[in-house]
Amino acid sequence: MNFALGMFTPEGLDNFAKSLARLNNLSLETAGHYTALIGDTPEIDENGLVVVSTDSGEILARVKMPEESDDFDEFFQCVETAQGWEYQVGVVGWSHPSTPILQFRHWQTQPDAASIAEARDSALADSRFFRTCSRCGELNNAGHMHDKEICQACAVLHLGVVY
């Protein structure tokens, strides 16, 4: 396992801390503290866990490291309902011109890893949820598209659109 936390942007470190918190049932504050202590080159123990230690070498915890993210994790969640498990896909909506909100659409599925991976891949390929910008080639949540072909960032940069 090779991790380079020093390459994360501040937003990337926040996302990493959120993933670390979810994966290890930690508070966001504790996960943020651990993220800072892990540093640029984490120590991995024989079980594949990351050793979190102070500068003096005192071991505070051993935690599971989140898998590398493709920046789309925030758009997916698996929740238990009265009817069973639902895999949900989030689409960005706009309550006001500059106020994005995440609205989840429900997909019925069993919550095993293979089903979730298949549903996730299917959602990423479904133009109702995600689209590829014809200008920059980036995959975007459908709510971040100016139209069916151009993402909002390219619309601002190339078409003079103001949001």
Protein backbone atom coordinates (compact mmCIF):
# COMPACT_ATOMS: atom_id res chain seq x y z
CA MET A 1 0.00 0.00 0.00
CA ASN A 2 1.45 3.33 -1.00
CA PHE A 3 -0.16 6.50 0.30
CA ALA A 4 1.00 10.06 -0.25
CA LEU A 5 -1.14 12.25 1.98
CA GLY A 6 1.13 15.23 1.34
CA MET A 7 -0.24 15.40 -2.21
CA PHE A 8 -3.81 16.08 -1.00
CA THR A 9 -5.33 19.53 -1.28
CA PRO A 10 -6.99 20.87 1.92
CA GLU A 11 -10.35 19.68 0.49
CA GLY A 12 -8.82 16.29 -0.24
CA LEU A 13 -7.56 16.03 3.35
CA ASP A 14 -11.07 16.87 4.60
CA ASN A 15 -12.53 14.15 2.40
CA PHE A 16 -9.84 11.72 3.59
CA ALA A 17 -10.66 12.53 7.24
CA LYS A 18 -14.39 11.99 6.57
CA SER A 19 -13.65 8.61 4.96
CA LEU A 20 -11.34 7.68 7.83
CA ALA A 21 -14.08 8.61 10.32
CA ARG A 22 -16.74 6.56 8.52
CA LEU A 23 -14.54 3.52 8.00
CA ASN A 24 -13.29 3.42 11.61
CA ASN A 25 -16.37 4.76 13.46
CA LEU A 26 -14.47 7.82 14.66
CA SER A 27 -15.67 11.34 15.30
CA LEU A 28 -14.73 13.76 12.54
CA GLU A 29 -12.59 15.67 15.05
CA THR A 30 -10.63 12.53 15.98
CA ALA A 31 -10.26 11.51 12.33
CA GLY A 32 -8.94 14.99 11.49
CA HIS A 33 -6.43 14.74 14.34
CA TYR A 34 -5.34 11.27 13.19
CA THR A 35 -5.00 12.51 9.60
CA ALA A 36 -2.59 15.21 10.78
CA LEU A 37 -0.59 12.67 12.81
CA ILE A 38 -0.41 10.09 10.01
CA GLY A 39 1.70 12.47 7.94
CA ASP A 40 3.02 12.07 4.41
CA THR A 41 4.36 8.54 4.76
CA PRO A 42 2.13 6.43 7.01
CA GLU A 43 3.49 3.45 8.90
CA ILE A 44 1.58 0.31 7.93
CA ASP A 45 1.60 -2.63 10.36
CA GLU A 46 1.70 -6.33 9.47
CA ASN A 47 -2.13 -6.44 9.28
CA GLY A 48 -2.32 -3.57 6.78
CA LEU A 49 -3.51 -1.07 9.38
CA VAL A 50 -2.12 2.44 9.62
CA VAL A 51 -0.32 3.14 12.87
CA VAL A 52 -1.30 6.51 14.33
CA SER A 53 1.35 7.75 16.74
CA THR A 54 2.49 10.95 18.39
CA ASP A 55 5.79 12.66 17.58
CA SER A 56 7.27 10.93 20.65
CA GLY A 57 6.31 7.52 19.22
CA GLU A 58 3.34 6.73 21.48
CA ILE A 59 0.87 4.64 19.49
CA LEU A 60 -2.62 6.11 19.72
CA ALA A 61 -4.46 3.78 17.36
CA ARG A 62 -4.30 1.42 14.43
CA VAL A 63 -6.88 2.30 11.79
CA LYS A 64 -8.11 1.03 8.44
CA MET A 65 -6.99 3.29 5.62
CA PRO A 66 -9.71 4.46 3.24
CA GLU A 67 -9.30 3.20 -0.29
CA GLU A 68 -8.31 5.73 -2.89
CA SER A 69 -11.30 7.81 -3.88
CA ASP A 70 -12.27 8.96 -7.34
CA ASP A 71 -14.03 12.03 -5.86
CA PHE A 72 -17.46 10.51 -6.50
CA ASP A 73 -17.90 8.79 -3.11
CA GLU A 74 -20.06 11.60 -1.75
CA PHE A 75 -22.70 10.78 -4.38
CA PHE A 76 -23.31 7.22 -3.16
CA GLN A 77 -24.76 5.78 0.03
CA CYS A 78 -26.26 2.50 1.18
CA VAL A 79 -29.05 2.84 3.78
CA GLU A 80 -31.39 0.44 5.54
CA THR A 81 -35.11 1.18 5.20
CA ALA A 82 -38.25 -0.59 6.45
CA GLN A 83 -38.35 -2.42 3.08
CA GLY A 84 -34.69 -3.50 3.20
CA TRP A 85 -31.46 -2.04 1.92
CA GLU A 86 -31.33 0.67 -0.73
CA TYR A 87 -28.34 1.81 -2.71
CA GLN A 88 -28.79 5.52 -3.32
CA VAL A 89 -27.21 7.73 -5.96
CA GLY A 90 -26.99 11.47 -5.34
CA VAL A 91 -27.64 14.07 -8.01
CA VAL A 92 -26.76 17.71 -7.49
CA GLY A 93 -29.80 19.96 -7.58
CA TRP A 94 -30.03 23.71 -7.18
CA SER A 95 -32.33 25.26 -4.56
CA HIS A 96 -31.04 28.73 -5.55
CA PRO A 97 -28.61 29.84 -8.31
CA SER A 98 -25.54 29.45 -6.09
CA THR A 99 -26.81 26.84 -3.62
CA PRO A 100 -26.24 23.23 -4.65
CA ILE A 101 -28.06 20.50 -2.73
CA LEU A 102 -27.55 16.77 -2.96
CA GLN A 103 -30.74 14.84 -3.70
CA PHE A 104 -30.60 11.05 -3.47
CA ARG A 105 -32.35 8.74 -5.88
CA HIS A 106 -33.01 5.21 -4.70
CA TRP A 107 -31.82 1.99 -6.29
CA GLN A 108 -33.01 -1.26 -4.76
CA THR A 109 -30.17 -3.74 -4.24
CA GLN A 110 -28.60 -6.03 -1.67
CA PRO A 111 -25.75 -4.34 0.23
CA ASP A 112 -22.99 -6.82 -0.60
CA ALA A 113 -19.76 -5.47 -2.07
CA ALA A 114 -20.27 -6.93 -5.55
CA SER A 115 -23.80 -5.49 -5.85
CA ILE A 116 -22.66 -2.09 -4.63
CA ALA A 117 -19.71 -2.02 -7.05
CA GLU A 118 -21.98 -3.05 -9.92
CA ALA A 119 -24.63 -0.45 -9.02
CA ARG A 120 -21.94 2.24 -8.64
CA ASP A 121 -20.41 1.44 -12.02
CA SER A 122 -23.86 1.41 -13.58
CA ALA A 123 -24.72 4.79 -12.05
CA LEU A 124 -21.43 6.33 -13.22
CA ALA A 125 -22.30 5.22 -16.77
CA ASP A 126 -25.92 6.45 -16.58
CA SER A 127 -26.43 9.93 -18.09
CA ARG A 128 -29.28 10.58 -15.64
CA PHE A 129 -26.63 10.73 -12.91
CA PHE A 130 -23.25 11.51 -14.53
CA ARG A 131 -22.14 12.96 -17.86
CA THR A 132 -18.83 13.54 -19.60
CA CYS A 133 -18.12 17.10 -20.73
CA SER A 134 -17.44 17.30 -24.47
CA ARG A 135 -14.96 20.18 -23.92
CA CYS A 136 -12.73 18.97 -21.08
CA GLY A 137 -13.55 15.27 -21.06
CA GLU A 138 -14.20 15.20 -17.30
CA LEU A 139 -16.95 13.07 -15.78
CA ASN A 140 -19.37 15.25 -13.78
CA ASN A 141 -22.45 14.77 -11.69
CA ALA A 142 -25.42 15.63 -13.96
CA GLY A 143 -26.26 18.57 -11.69
CA HIS A 144 -22.87 20.14 -12.47
CA MET A 145 -23.55 20.22 -16.22
CA HIS A 146 -24.49 23.44 -18.02
CA ASP A 147 -26.38 21.34 -20.57
CA LYS A 148 -26.18 17.75 -21.82
CA GLU A 149 -22.76 18.33 -23.41
CA ILE A 150 -20.86 21.03 -21.48
CA CYS A 151 -19.96 21.12 -17.76
CA GLN A 152 -20.52 24.28 -15.76
CA ALA A 153 -16.78 24.95 -15.44
CA CYS A 154 -16.30 24.87 -19.22
CA ALA A 155 -19.43 26.98 -19.71
CA VAL A 156 -17.87 29.63 -17.48
CA LEU A 157 -14.41 29.38 -19.06
CA HIS A 158 -15.36 29.04 -22.73
CA LEU A 159 -18.89 30.33 -23.15
CA GLY A 160 -18.83 33.31 -20.77
CA VAL A 161 -21.64 31.91 -18.63
CA VAL A 162 -21.98 33.39 -15.14
CA TYR A 163 -23.62 31.30 -12.41
